[in-house]
Amino acid sequence: MPMETIEPTREEIDQTSGPVLLEFGASWCSHCRALEPQLAEVLASYPDVRHLKVEDASGKRLGRSFGVTLWPTLVFLQDGRIVKKMARPDRSEIMQGMKALTAGETG
């Protein structure tokens, strides 16, 4: 599925169905920009995972509700429930998160 840049509410996220990857970051963040090609490569192997990119900043409620303190932060959700969450992941960590998400593991 293609990436969507949106600003959903926590209630909307909690009601999502299926596998969802929330990506919190900022367009000017060098760590976020460095992650983009790696994340795109991994996501290409998981077309059924919905990718939502959320532009975050201090005072943004959605990021705070997920405890985001560093960018990028990835939150892997299955039917609105957190499966995994990681800040500034490398490619192998992203793969672990995707495998956990698509296998239905929790962690």
PDB file of N, CA and C in Angstrom:
ATOM      1  N   MET A   1       0.841  -1.182   0.000  1.00  0.00           N
ATOM      2  CA  MET A   1       0.000   0.000   0.000  1.00  0.00           C
ATOM      3  C   MET A   1       0.884   1.242   0.000  1.00  0.00           C
ATOM      4  N   PRO A   2       0.450   2.311  -0.629  1.00  0.00           N
ATOM      5  CA  PRO A   2       1.247   3.529  -0.628  1.00  0.00           C
ATOM      6  C   PRO A   2       1.221   4.202   0.739  1.00  0.00           C
ATOM      7  N   MET A   3       2.250   5.012   0.991  1.00  0.00           N
ATOM      8  CA  MET A   3       2.340   5.753   2.232  1.00  0.00           C
ATOM      9  C   MET A   3       1.343   6.903   2.205  1.00  0.00           C
ATOM     10  N   GLU A   4       0.742   7.163   3.353  1.00  0.00           N
ATOM     11  CA  GLU A   4      -0.184   8.281   3.486  1.00  0.00           C
ATOM     12  C   GLU A   4       0.379   9.244   4.530  1.00  0.00           C
ATOM     13  N   THR A   5       0.345  10.543   4.257  1.00  0.00           N
ATOM     14  CA  THR A   5       0.721  11.537   5.248  1.00  0.00           C
ATOM     15  C   THR A   5      -0.576  12.146   5.762  1.00  0.00           C
ATOM     16  N   ILE A   6      -0.863  11.870   7.024  1.00  0.00           N
ATOM     17  CA  ILE A   6      -2.136  12.313   7.594  1.00  0.00           C
ATOM     18  C   ILE A   6      -1.932  12.751   9.037  1.00  0.00           C
ATOM     19  N   GLU A   7      -2.967  13.264   9.634  1.00  0.00           N
ATOM     20  CA  GLU A   7      -2.952  13.614  11.045  1.00  0.00           C
ATOM     21  C   GLU A   7      -4.217  13.041  11.692  1.00  0.00           C
ATOM     22  N   PRO A   8      -4.235  11.739  11.907  1.00  0.00           N
ATOM     23  CA  PRO A   8      -5.408  11.121  12.512  1.00  0.00           C
ATOM     24  C   PRO A   8      -5.453  11.378  14.017  1.00  0.00           C
ATOM     25  N   THR A   9      -6.590  11.091  14.602  1.00  0.00           N
ATOM     26  CA  THR A   9      -6.699  11.164  16.059  1.00  0.00           C
ATOM     27  C   THR A   9      -6.306   9.806  16.638  1.00  0.00           C
ATOM     28  N   ARG A  10      -6.037   9.771  17.923  1.00  0.00           N
ATOM     29  CA  ARG A  10      -5.706   8.494  18.571  1.00  0.00           C
ATOM     30  C   ARG A  10      -6.901   7.547  18.475  1.00  0.00           C
ATOM     31  N   GLU A  11      -8.098   8.077  18.590  1.00  0.00           N
ATOM     32  CA  GLU A  11      -9.298   7.253  18.489  1.00  0.00           C
ATOM     33  C   GLU A  11      -9.388   6.585  17.116  1.00  0.00           C
ATOM     34  N   GLU A  12      -9.067   7.345  16.065  1.00  0.00           N
ATOM     35  CA  GLU A  12      -9.081   6.774  14.713  1.00  0.00           C
ATOM     36  C   GLU A  12      -8.032   5.674  14.578  1.00  0.00           C
ATOM     37  N   ILE A  13      -6.854   5.891  15.128  1.00  0.00           N
ATOM     38  CA  ILE A  13      -5.795   4.880  15.074  1.00  0.00           C
ATOM     39  C   ILE A  13      -6.211   3.633  15.845  1.00  0.00           C
ATOM     40  N   ASP A  14      -6.780   3.822  17.017  1.00  0.00           N
ATOM     41  CA  ASP A  14      -7.200   2.678  17.838  1.00  0.00           C
ATOM     42  C   ASP A  14      -8.269   1.844  17.143  1.00  0.00           C
ATOM     43  N   GLN A  15      -8.991   2.439  16.210  1.00  0.00           N
ATOM     44  CA  GLN A  15     -10.063   1.721  15.512  1.00  0.00           C
ATOM     45  C   GLN A  15      -9.640   1.155  14.157  1.00  0.00           C
ATOM     46  N   THR A  16      -8.365   1.300  13.798  1.00  0.00           N
ATOM     47  CA  THR A  16      -7.920   0.765  12.515  1.00  0.00           C
ATOM     48  C   THR A  16      -7.965  -0.755  12.525  1.00  0.00           C
ATOM     49  N   SER A  17      -8.108  -1.328  11.348  1.00  0.00           N
ATOM     50  CA  SER A  17      -8.087  -2.782  11.249  1.00  0.00           C
ATOM     51  C   SER A  17      -6.907  -3.194  10.375  1.00  0.00           C
ATOM     52  N   GLY A  18      -6.386  -4.363  10.666  1.00  0.00           N
ATOM     53  CA  GLY A  18      -5.262  -4.878   9.904  1.00  0.00           C
ATOM     54  C   GLY A  18      -3.945  -4.291  10.361  1.00  0.00           C
ATOM     55  N   PRO A  19      -2.872  -4.612   9.613  1.00  0.00           N
ATOM     56  CA  PRO A  19      -1.544  -4.135   9.987  1.00  0.00           C
ATOM     57  C   PRO A  19      -1.312  -2.690   9.533  1.00  0.00           C
ATOM     58  N   VAL A  20      -0.821  -1.869  10.461  1.00  0.00           N
ATOM     59  CA  VAL A  20      -0.556  -0.458  10.188  1.00  0.00           C
ATOM     60  C   VAL A  20       0.812  -0.109  10.759  1.00  0.00           C
ATOM     61  N   LEU A  21       1.590   0.625   9.989  1.00  0.00           N
ATOM     62  CA  LEU A  21       2.858   1.163  10.471  1.00  0.00           C
ATOM     63  C   LEU A  21       2.719   2.677  10.556  1.00  0.00           C
ATOM     64  N   LEU A  22       2.805   3.199  11.786  1.00  0.00           N
ATOM     65  CA  LEU A  22       2.799   4.644  12.008  1.00  0.00           C
ATOM     66  C   LEU A  22       4.250   5.106  12.048  1.00  0.00           C
ATOM     67  N   GLU A  23       4.571   6.111  11.277  1.00  0.00           N
ATOM     68  CA  GLU A  23       5.921   6.670  11.269  1.00  0.00           C
ATOM     69  C   GLU A  23       5.837   8.114  11.737  1.00  0.00           C
ATOM     70  N   PHE A  24       6.410   8.389  12.906  1.00  0.00           N
ATOM     71  CA  PHE A  24       6.426   9.748  13.441  1.00  0.00           C
ATOM     72  C   PHE A  24       7.771  10.386  13.134  1.00  0.00           C
ATOM     73  N   GLY A  25       7.747  11.618  12.632  1.00  0.00           N
ATOM     74  CA  GLY A  25       8.985  12.321  12.327  1.00  0.00           C
ATOM     75  C   GLY A  25       8.681  13.739  11.897  1.00  0.00           C
ATOM     76  N   ALA A  26       9.697  14.365  11.310  1.00  0.00           N
ATOM     77  CA  ALA A  26       9.555  15.730  10.810  1.00  0.00           C
ATOM     78  C   ALA A  26      10.283  15.817   9.475  1.00  0.00           C
ATOM     79  N   SER A  27       9.760  16.629   8.581  1.00  0.00           N
ATOM     80  CA  SER A  27      10.330  16.723   7.242  1.00  0.00           C
ATOM     81  C   SER A  27      11.766  17.238   7.257  1.00  0.00           C
ATOM     82  N   TRP A  28      12.138  18.013   8.253  1.00  0.00           N
ATOM     83  CA  TRP A  28      13.481  18.578   8.326  1.00  0.00           C
ATOM     84  C   TRP A  28      14.457  17.702   9.106  1.00  0.00           C
ATOM     85  N   CYS A  29      13.989  16.600   9.687  1.00  0.00           N
ATOM     86  CA  CYS A  29      14.804  15.726  10.545  1.00  0.00           C
ATOM     87  C   CYS A  29      15.766  14.882   9.708  1.00  0.00           C
ATOM     88  N   SER A  30      17.060  15.025   9.955  1.00  0.00           N
ATOM     89  CA  SER A  30      18.051  14.269   9.177  1.00  0.00           C
ATOM     90  C   SER A  30      17.952  12.767   9.436  1.00  0.00           C
ATOM     91  N   HIS A  31      17.620  12.368  10.656  1.00  0.00           N
ATOM     92  CA  HIS A  31      17.445  10.942  10.963  1.00  0.00           C
ATOM     93  C   HIS A  31      16.257  10.364  10.186  1.00  0.00           C
ATOM     94  N   CYS A  32      15.197  11.160  10.076  1.00  0.00           N
ATOM     95  CA  CYS A  32      14.003  10.728   9.342  1.00  0.00           C
ATOM     96  C   CYS A  32      14.313  10.562   7.856  1.00  0.00           C
ATOM     97  N   ARG A  33      15.015  11.524   7.301  1.00  0.00           N
ATOM     98  CA  ARG A  33      15.366  11.457   5.876  1.00  0.00           C
ATOM     99  C   ARG A  33      16.290  10.274   5.603  1.00  0.00           C
ATOM    100  N   ALA A  34      17.200   9.989   6.523  1.00  0.00           N
ATOM    101  CA  ALA A  34      18.115   8.858   6.344  1.00  0.00           C
ATOM    102  C   ALA A  34      17.366   7.533   6.383  1.00  0.00           C
ATOM    103  N   LEU A  35      16.282   7.469   7.130  1.00  0.00           N
ATOM    104  CA  LEU A  35      15.508   6.229   7.253  1.00  0.00           C
ATOM    105  C   LEU A  35      14.645   5.953   6.019  1.00  0.00           C
ATOM    106  N   GLU A  36      14.225   6.988   5.308  1.00  0.00           N
ATOM    107  CA  GLU A  36      13.265   6.850   4.213  1.00  0.00           C
ATOM    108  C   GLU A  36      13.590   5.746   3.207  1.00  0.00           C
ATOM    109  N   PRO A  37      14.805   5.694   2.636  1.00  0.00           N
ATOM    110  CA  PRO A  37      15.051   4.645   1.634  1.00  0.00           C
ATOM    111  C   PRO A  37      15.034   3.236   2.216  1.00  0.00           C
ATOM    112  N   GLN A  38      15.550   3.081   3.433  1.00  0.00           N
ATOM    113  CA  GLN A  38      15.538   1.764   4.074  1.00  0.00           C
ATOM    114  C   GLN A  38      14.106   1.313   4.354  1.00  0.00           C
ATOM    115  N   LEU A  39      13.314   2.223   4.864  1.00  0.00           N
ATOM    116  CA  LEU A  39      11.926   1.904   5.186  1.00  0.00           C
ATOM    117  C   LEU A  39      11.150   1.582   3.912  1.00  0.00           C
ATOM    118  N   ALA A  40      11.358   2.355   2.862  1.00  0.00           N
ATOM    119  CA  ALA A  40      10.673   2.102   1.591  1.00  0.00           C
ATOM    120  C   ALA A  40      11.027   0.727   1.046  1.00  0.00           C
ATOM    121  N   GLU A  41      12.295   0.357   1.165  1.00  0.00           N
ATOM    122  CA  GLU A  41      12.737  -0.949   0.679  1.00  0.00           C
ATOM    123  C   GLU A  41      12.056  -2.086   1.443  1.00  0.00           C
ATOM    124  N   VAL A  42      11.989  -1.961   2.759  1.00  0.00           N
ATOM    125  CA  VAL A  42      11.346  -2.996   3.569  1.00  0.00           C
ATOM    126  C   VAL A  42       9.846  -3.038   3.282  1.00  0.00           C
ATOM    127  N   LEU A  43       9.218  -1.886   3.221  1.00  0.00           N
ATOM    128  CA  LEU A  43       7.773  -1.835   2.990  1.00  0.00           C
ATOM    129  C   LEU A  43       7.377  -2.427   1.641  1.00  0.00           C
ATOM    130  N   ALA A  44       8.267  -2.371   0.668  1.00  0.00           N
ATOM    131  CA  ALA A  44       7.972  -2.938  -0.650  1.00  0.00           C
ATOM    132  C   ALA A  44       7.688  -4.438  -0.556  1.00  0.00           C
ATOM    133  N   SER A  45       8.240  -5.085   0.450  1.00  0.00           N
ATOM    134  CA  SER A  45       8.011  -6.521   0.650  1.00  0.00           C
ATOM    135  C   SER A  45       6.740  -6.809   1.454  1.00  0.00           C
ATOM    136  N   TYR A  46       6.085  -5.778   1.941  1.00  0.00           N
ATOM    137  CA  TYR A  46       4.877  -5.941   2.768  1.00  0.00           C
ATOM    138  C   TYR A  46       3.758  -5.062   2.220  1.00  0.00           C
ATOM    139  N   PRO A  47       3.225  -5.380   1.055  1.00  0.00           N
ATOM    140  CA  PRO A  47       2.229  -4.512   0.423  1.00  0.00           C
ATOM    141  C   PRO A  47       0.906  -4.411   1.186  1.00  0.00           C
ATOM    142  N   ASP A  48       0.636  -5.346   2.096  1.00  0.00           N
ATOM    143  CA  ASP A  48      -0.625  -5.303   2.834  1.00  0.00           C
ATOM    144  C   ASP A  48      -0.550  -4.448   4.097  1.00  0.00           C
ATOM    145  N   VAL A  49       0.635  -3.929   4.410  1.00  0.00           N
ATOM    146  CA  VAL A  49       0.787  -3.079   5.589  1.00  0.00           C
ATOM    147  C   VAL A  49       0.518  -1.633   5.192  1.00  0.00           C
ATOM    148  N   ARG A  50      -0.415  -1.016   5.867  1.00  0.00           N
ATOM    149  CA  ARG A  50      -0.747   0.391   5.627  1.00  0.00           C
ATOM    150  C   ARG A  50       0.297   1.252   6.335  1.00  0.00           C
ATOM    151  N   HIS A  51       0.918   2.179   5.612  1.00  0.00           N
ATOM    152  CA  HIS A  51       1.970   3.040   6.157  1.00  0.00           C
ATOM    153  C   HIS A  51       1.432   4.452   6.293  1.00  0.00           C
ATOM    154  N   LEU A  52       1.389   4.947   7.523  1.00  0.00           N
ATOM    155  CA  LEU A  52       0.913   6.297   7.788  1.00  0.00           C
ATOM    156  C   LEU A  52       2.063   7.131   8.320  1.00  0.00           C
ATOM    157  N   LYS A  53       2.423   8.172   7.616  1.00  0.00           N
ATOM    158  CA  LYS A  53       3.508   9.054   8.035  1.00  0.00           C
ATOM    159  C   LYS A  53       2.892  10.263   8.713  1.00  0.00           C
ATOM    160  N   VAL A  54       3.288  10.492   9.960  1.00  0.00           N
ATOM    161  CA  VAL A  54       2.713  11.567  10.761  1.00  0.00           C
ATOM    162  C   VAL A  54       3.785  12.615  11.029  1.00  0.00           C
ATOM    163  N   GLU A  55       3.555  13.837  10.565  1.00  0.00           N
ATOM    164  CA  GLU A  55       4.452  14.960  10.836  1.00  0.00           C
ATOM    165  C   GLU A  55       4.255  15.330  12.301  1.00  0.00           C
ATOM    166  N   ASP A  56       5.305  15.145  13.087  1.00  0.00           N
ATOM    167  CA  ASP A  56       5.211  15.321  14.535  1.00  0.00           C
ATOM    168  C   ASP A  56       5.916  16.609  14.963  1.00  0.00           C
ATOM    169  N   ALA A  57       5.544  17.107  16.124  1.00  0.00           N
ATOM    170  CA  ALA A  57       6.181  18.281  16.730  1.00  0.00           C
ATOM    171  C   ALA A  57       5.760  18.340  18.184  1.00  0.00           C
ATOM    172  N   SER A  58       6.445  19.141  18.971  1.00  0.00           N
ATOM    173  CA  SER A  58       6.050  19.261  20.373  1.00  0.00           C
ATOM    174  C   SER A  58       4.617  19.778  20.421  1.00  0.00           C
ATOM    175  N   GLY A  59       3.862  19.228  21.315  1.00  0.00           N
ATOM    176  CA  GLY A  59       2.472  19.625  21.449  1.00  0.00           C
ATOM    177  C   GLY A  59       1.500  18.868  20.561  1.00  0.00           C
ATOM    178  N   LYS A  60       2.002  18.024  19.678  1.00  0.00           N
ATOM    179  CA  LYS A  60       1.107  17.219  18.842  1.00  0.00           C
ATOM    180  C   LYS A  60       0.597  16.053  19.678  1.00  0.00           C
ATOM    181  N   ARG A  61      -0.680  15.930  19.786  1.00  0.00           N
ATOM    182  CA  ARG A  61      -1.290  14.950  20.689  1.00  0.00           C
ATOM    183  C   ARG A  61      -1.042  13.506  20.304  1.00  0.00           C
ATOM    184  N   LEU A  62      -1.094  13.200  19.014  1.00  0.00           N
ATOM    185  CA  LEU A  62      -0.958  11.803  18.612  1.00  0.00           C
ATOM    186  C   LEU A  62       0.414  11.259  18.992  1.00  0.00           C
ATOM    187  N   GLY A  63       1.454  11.995  18.678  1.00  0.00           N
ATOM    188  CA  GLY A  63       2.797  11.554  19.048  1.00  0.00           C
ATOM    189  C   GLY A  63       2.962  11.403  20.543  1.00  0.00           C
ATOM    190  N   ARG A  64       2.414  12.338  21.308  1.00  0.00           N
ATOM    191  CA  ARG A  64       2.531  12.245  22.765  1.00  0.00           C
ATOM    192  C   ARG A  64       1.758  11.035  23.298  1.00  0.00           C
ATOM    193  N   SER A  65       0.630  10.707  22.669  1.00  0.00           N
ATOM    194  CA  SER A  65      -0.162   9.567  23.143  1.00  0.00           C
ATOM    195  C   SER A  65       0.566   8.244  22.945  1.00  0.00           C
ATOM    196  N   PHE A  66       1.536   8.222  22.005  1.00  0.00           N
ATOM    197  CA  PHE A  66       2.342   7.027  21.786  1.00  0.00           C
ATOM    198  C   PHE A  66       3.706   7.142  22.464  1.00  0.00           C
ATOM    199  N   GLY A  67       3.934   8.187  23.236  1.00  0.00           N
ATOM    200  CA  GLY A  67       5.186   8.346  23.956  1.00  0.00           C
ATOM    201  C   GLY A  67       6.374   8.653  23.065  1.00  0.00           C
ATOM    202  N   VAL A  68       6.145   9.315  21.936  1.00  0.00           N
ATOM    203  CA  VAL A  68       7.220   9.638  21.005  1.00  0.00           C
ATOM    204  C   VAL A  68       8.096  10.727  21.609  1.00  0.00           C
ATOM    205  N   THR A  69       9.406  10.441  21.707  1.00  0.00           N
ATOM    206  CA  THR A  69      10.366  11.430  22.199  1.00  0.00           C
ATOM    207  C   THR A  69      11.529  11.636  21.228  1.00  0.00           C
ATOM    208  N   LEU A  70      11.759  10.684  20.326  1.00  0.00           N
ATOM    209  CA  LEU A  70      12.810  10.786  19.310  1.00  0.00           C
ATOM    210  C   LEU A  70      12.206  10.523  17.941  1.00  0.00           C
ATOM    211  N   TRP A  71      12.794  11.134  16.923  1.00  0.00           N
ATOM    212  CA  TRP A  71      12.368  10.879  15.553  1.00  0.00           C
ATOM    213  C   TRP A  71      13.466  10.162  14.809  1.00  0.00           C
ATOM    214  N   PRO A  72      13.147   9.347  13.875  1.00  0.00           N
ATOM    215  CA  PRO A  72      11.815   8.812  13.648  1.00  0.00           C
ATOM    216  C   PRO A  72      11.469   7.751  14.688  1.00  0.00           C
ATOM    217  N   THR A  73      10.198   7.663  15.002  1.00  0.00           N
ATOM    218  CA  THR A  73       9.678   6.581  15.830  1.00  0.00           C
ATOM    219  C   THR A  73       8.673   5.814  14.983  1.00  0.00           C
ATOM    220  N   LEU A  74       8.822   4.504  14.956  1.00  0.00           N
ATOM    221  CA  LEU A  74       7.894   3.622  14.246  1.00  0.00           C
ATOM    222  C   LEU A  74       7.041   2.885  15.258  1.00  0.00           C
ATOM    223  N   VAL A  75       5.735   2.869  15.007  1.00  0.00           N
ATOM    224  CA  VAL A  75       4.796   2.134  15.847  1.00  0.00           C
ATOM    225  C   VAL A  75       4.081   1.137  14.942  1.00  0.00           C
ATOM    226  N   PHE A  76       4.248  -0.138  15.251  1.00  0.00           N
ATOM    227  CA  PHE A  76       3.651  -1.226  14.480  1.00  0.00           C
ATOM    228  C   PHE A  76       2.358  -1.628  15.173  1.00  0.00           C
ATOM    229  N   LEU A  77       1.235  -1.529  14.470  1.00  0.00           N
ATOM    230  CA  LEU A  77      -0.082  -1.786  15.049  1.00  0.00           C
ATOM    231  C   LEU A  77      -0.807  -2.891  14.289  1.00  0.00           C
ATOM    232  N   GLN A  78      -1.514  -3.715  15.022  1.00  0.00           N
ATOM    233  CA  GLN A  78      -2.389  -4.724  14.426  1.00  0.00           C
ATOM    234  C   GLN A  78      -3.774  -4.500  15.029  1.00  0.00           C
ATOM    235  N   ASP A  79      -4.727  -4.148  14.199  1.00  0.00           N
ATOM    236  CA  ASP A  79      -6.094  -3.863  14.654  1.00  0.00           C
ATOM    237  C   ASP A  79      -6.113  -2.833  15.785  1.00  0.00           C
ATOM    238  N   GLY A  80      -5.272  -1.796  15.638  1.00  0.00           N
ATOM    239  CA  GLY A  80      -5.248  -0.700  16.604  1.00  0.00           C
ATOM    240  C   GLY A  80      -4.441  -0.966  17.862  1.00  0.00           C
ATOM    241  N   ARG A  81      -3.871  -2.149  17.994  1.00  0.00           N
ATOM    242  CA  ARG A  81      -3.063  -2.485  19.176  1.00  0.00           C
ATOM    243  C   ARG A  81      -1.579  -2.465  18.833  1.00  0.00           C
ATOM    244  N   ILE A  82      -0.764  -1.938  19.743  1.00  0.00           N
ATOM    245  CA  ILE A  82       0.677  -1.855  19.518  1.00  0.00           C
ATOM    246  C   ILE A  82       1.299  -3.244  19.578  1.00  0.00           C
ATOM    247  N   VAL A  83       2.014  -3.597  18.514  1.00  0.00           N
ATOM    248  CA  VAL A  83       2.770  -4.849  18.457  1.00  0.00           C
ATOM    249  C   VAL A  83       4.223  -4.564  18.832  1.00  0.00           C
ATOM    250  N   LYS A  84       4.785  -3.496  18.259  1.00  0.00           N
ATOM    251  CA  LYS A  84       6.155  -3.067  18.559  1.00  0.00           C
ATOM    252  C   LYS A  84       6.250  -1.564  18.362  1.00  0.00           C
ATOM    253  N   LYS A  85       7.229  -0.974  19.058  1.00  0.00           N
ATOM    254  CA  LYS A  85       7.511   0.454  18.911  1.00  0.00           C
ATOM    255  C   LYS A  85       9.016   0.617  18.992  1.00  0.00           C
ATOM    256  N   MET A  86       9.595   1.426  18.092  1.00  0.00           N
ATOM    257  CA  MET A  86      11.040   1.636  18.116  1.00  0.00           C
ATOM    258  C   MET A  86      11.393   3.026  17.628  1.00  0.00           C
ATOM    259  N   ALA A  87      12.433   3.592  18.251  1.00  0.00           N
ATOM    260  CA  ALA A  87      12.927   4.910  17.857  1.00  0.00           C
ATOM    261  C   ALA A  87      14.263   4.751  17.142  1.00  0.00           C
ATOM    262  N   ARG A  88      14.414   5.499  16.067  1.00  0.00           N
ATOM    263  CA  ARG A  88      15.639   5.505  15.252  1.00  0.00           C
ATOM    264  C   ARG A  88      16.127   4.091  14.929  1.00  0.00           C
ATOM    265  N   PRO A  89      15.249   3.283  14.347  1.00  0.00           N
ATOM    266  CA  PRO A  89      15.626   1.897  14.068  1.00  0.00           C
ATOM    267  C   PRO A  89      16.562   1.783  12.874  1.00  0.00           C
ATOM    268  N   ASP A  90      17.311   0.685  12.856  1.00  0.00           N
ATOM    269  CA  ASP A  90      18.083   0.375  11.654  1.00  0.00           C
ATOM    270  C   ASP A  90      17.261  -0.609  10.825  1.00  0.00           C
ATOM    271  N   ARG A  91      17.775  -0.986   9.674  1.00  0.00           N
ATOM    272  CA  ARG A  91      17.031  -1.846   8.758  1.00  0.00           C
ATOM    273  C   ARG A  91      16.644  -3.181   9.398  1.00  0.00           C
ATOM    274  N   SER A  92      17.554  -3.790  10.150  1.00  0.00           N
ATOM    275  CA  SER A  92      17.246  -5.087  10.761  1.00  0.00           C
ATOM    276  C   SER A  92      16.134  -4.952  11.808  1.00  0.00           C
ATOM    277  N   GLU A  93      16.108  -3.852  12.531  1.00  0.00           N
ATOM    278  CA  GLU A  93      15.034  -3.637  13.504  1.00  0.00           C
ATOM    279  C   GLU A  93      13.696  -3.430  12.798  1.00  0.00           C
ATOM    280  N   ILE A  94      13.713  -2.722  11.684  1.00  0.00           N
ATOM    281  CA  ILE A  94      12.477  -2.537  10.908  1.00  0.00           C
ATOM    282  C   ILE A  94      11.959  -3.899  10.453  1.00  0.00           C
ATOM    283  N   MET A  95      12.862  -4.744   9.966  1.00  0.00           N
ATOM    284  CA  MET A  95      12.467  -6.087   9.527  1.00  0.00           C
ATOM    285  C   MET A  95      11.855  -6.881  10.687  1.00  0.00           C
ATOM    286  N   GLN A  96      12.464  -6.796  11.865  1.00  0.00           N
ATOM    287  CA  GLN A  96      11.917  -7.491  13.042  1.00  0.00           C
ATOM    288  C   GLN A  96      10.505  -6.991  13.347  1.00  0.00           C
ATOM    289  N   GLY A  97      10.317  -5.692  13.273  1.00  0.00           N
ATOM    290  CA  GLY A  97       8.996  -5.120  13.532  1.00  0.00           C
ATOM    291  C   GLY A  97       7.967  -5.579  12.520  1.00  0.00           C
ATOM    292  N   MET A  98       8.352  -5.611  11.246  1.00  0.00           N
ATOM    293  CA  MET A  98       7.421  -6.054  10.208  1.00  0.00           C
ATOM    294  C   MET A  98       7.084  -7.531  10.367  1.00  0.00           C
ATOM    295  N   LYS A  99       8.069  -8.340  10.696  1.00  0.00           N
ATOM    296  CA  LYS A  99       7.812  -9.764  10.907  1.00  0.00           C
ATOM    297  C   LYS A  99       6.892  -9.968  12.096  1.00  0.00           C
ATOM    298  N   ALA A 100       7.115  -9.232  13.175  1.00  0.00           N
ATOM    299  CA  ALA A 100       6.244  -9.343  14.344  1.00  0.00           C
ATOM    300  C   ALA A 100       4.825  -8.879  14.003  1.00  0.00           C
ATOM    301  N   LEU A 101       4.733  -7.823  13.222  1.00  0.00           N
ATOM    302  CA  LEU A 101       3.431  -7.291  12.838  1.00  0.00           C
ATOM    303  C   LEU A 101       2.660  -8.274  11.978  1.00  0.00           C
ATOM    304  N   THR A 102       3.316  -8.862  11.023  1.00  0.00           N
ATOM    305  CA  THR A 102       2.610  -9.753  10.097  1.00  0.00           C
ATOM    306  C   THR A 102       2.445 -11.156  10.664  1.00  0.00           C
ATOM    307  N   ALA A 103       3.202 -11.494  11.715  1.00  0.00           N
ATOM    308  CA  ALA A 103       3.049 -12.801  12.362  1.00  0.00           C
ATOM    309  C   ALA A 103       2.071 -12.737  13.533  1.00  0.00           C
ATOM    310  N   GLY A 104       1.675 -11.514  13.906  1.00  0.00           N
ATOM    311  CA  GLY A 104       0.741 -11.358  15.009  1.00  0.00           C
ATOM    312  C   GLY A 104       1.382 -11.498  16.368  1.00  0.00           C
ATOM    313  N   GLU A 105       2.712 -11.418  16.427  1.00  0.00           N
ATOM    314  CA  GLU A 105       3.400 -11.494  17.711  1.00  0.00           C
ATOM    315  C   GLU A 105       3.206 -10.195  18.457  1.00  0.00           C
ATOM    316  N   THR A 106       3.441 -10.218  19.743  1.00  0.00           N
ATOM    317  CA  THR A 106       3.429  -8.991  20.537  1.00  0.00           C
ATOM    318  C   THR A 106       4.801  -8.821  21.149  1.00  0.00           C
ATOM    319  N   GLY A 107       5.167  -7.586  21.453  1.00  0.00           N
ATOM    320  CA  GLY A 107       6.477  -7.377  22.033  1.00  0.00           C
ATOM    321  C   GLY A 107       6.809  -5.935  22.225  1.00  0.00           C
TER     322      GLY A 107
END
